[in-house]
Protein backbone atom coordinates (compact mmCIF):
# COMPACT_ATOMS: atom_id res chain seq x y z
CA MET A 1 71.38 -60.36 16.92
CA PRO A 2 69.80 -62.60 19.57
CA ILE A 3 66.08 -62.34 20.22
CA ARG A 4 65.28 -60.88 23.61
CA PRO A 5 62.02 -62.01 25.21
CA ASP A 6 61.49 -58.68 27.04
CA ARG A 7 61.25 -56.72 23.77
CA PRO A 8 58.47 -57.06 21.21
CA ALA A 9 59.41 -58.37 17.80
CA ARG A 10 60.06 -55.75 15.14
CA THR A 11 57.72 -55.51 12.23
CA THR A 12 59.07 -56.15 8.78
CA ARG A 13 60.00 -53.13 6.75
CA ALA A 14 58.76 -52.41 3.27
CA ALA A 15 61.03 -53.52 0.48
CA ALA A 16 63.60 -50.94 -0.55
CA PRO A 17 62.83 -49.32 -3.89
CA SER A 18 64.76 -50.74 -6.80
CA CYS A 19 65.65 -49.27 -10.15
CA GLY A 20 63.15 -51.65 -11.79
CA ASP A 21 60.29 -49.95 -9.90
CA CYS A 22 61.24 -46.48 -11.15
CA PHE A 23 59.05 -44.53 -13.59
CA PHE A 24 62.07 -43.47 -15.64
CA ARG A 25 63.43 -47.02 -15.99
CA ARG A 26 60.08 -48.53 -16.98
CA HIS A 27 59.50 -45.87 -19.64
CA MET A 28 63.09 -46.14 -20.96
CA LEU A 29 63.97 -42.61 -19.83
CA CYS A 30 66.81 -43.57 -17.45
CA ALA A 31 70.40 -43.20 -18.62
CA LEU A 32 71.94 -44.87 -15.55
CA ASP A 33 73.00 -48.51 -15.35
CA ARG A 34 72.21 -49.34 -11.71
CA ASP A 35 70.32 -51.89 -9.67
CA THR A 36 69.58 -49.63 -6.70
CA ALA A 37 67.34 -46.58 -6.70
CA CYS A 38 69.04 -43.24 -7.31
CA ALA A 39 68.21 -39.73 -6.10
CA THR A 40 65.75 -39.17 -8.97
CA PHE A 41 63.70 -42.30 -8.17
CA ARG A 42 59.95 -41.84 -8.74
CA PRO A 43 57.62 -44.80 -8.25
CA ASP A 44 55.72 -45.99 -11.29
CA ASP A 45 52.30 -46.70 -9.82
CA GLY A 46 50.19 -46.41 -12.96
CA GLN A 47 49.03 -42.83 -12.30
CA GLY A 48 51.87 -41.27 -14.26
CA LEU A 49 54.71 -39.15 -13.04
CA ARG A 50 53.79 -37.21 -9.91
CA PRO A 51 56.05 -34.88 -7.93
CA PRO A 52 57.08 -36.01 -4.44
CA ARG A 53 54.78 -34.96 -1.60
CA GLN A 54 55.71 -31.79 0.19
CA MET A 55 54.89 -30.65 3.68
CA ARG A 56 51.78 -28.54 4.06
CA MET A 57 52.11 -24.97 5.17
CA ALA A 58 50.22 -24.34 8.39
CA LEU A 59 49.27 -20.70 8.73
CA ARG A 60 49.05 -19.23 12.19
CA PRO A 61 45.95 -17.29 13.18
CA GLU A 62 46.24 -13.51 13.21
CA ARG A 63 46.98 -11.94 16.55
CA THR A 64 44.31 -9.59 17.86
CA THR A 65 46.73 -7.44 19.86
CA GLY A 66 47.99 -5.55 16.82
CA ALA A 67 51.46 -5.34 15.34
CA PRO A 68 54.08 -7.36 17.24
CA PHE A 69 56.62 -4.51 17.40
CA ALA A 70 54.31 -1.51 17.73
CA PHE A 71 55.43 1.16 20.15
CA PRO A 72 52.96 2.34 22.78
CA SER A 73 51.22 5.62 22.12
CA ALA A 74 52.27 8.79 23.93
CA GLU A 75 49.27 8.53 26.26
CA GLU A 76 50.13 4.93 27.18
CA GLN A 77 53.74 5.90 27.90
CA ALA A 78 52.63 8.82 30.05
CA ARG A 79 50.31 6.55 32.10
CA ARG A 80 52.98 3.88 32.40
CA TYR A 81 55.73 6.18 33.68
CA ALA A 82 53.66 8.63 35.72
CA ALA A 83 54.44 7.92 39.31
């Protein structure tokens, strides 16, 4: 791919994980004979086996108007439709 002067140069990407970097391979727990990382790859960073990070749950604040599907009271309906 030719370099275009009007575009900034791309930054280098981090090295792809290899099977040799896997927790299971380094602790002789892997039964696969591969060179590339598989779906069960977990990095061995010295802190032991940790589960992959999950997204945080963001809770919405409670609404102050009451229940979202509450029907209006009889008095409210009478005021609304009295004409």
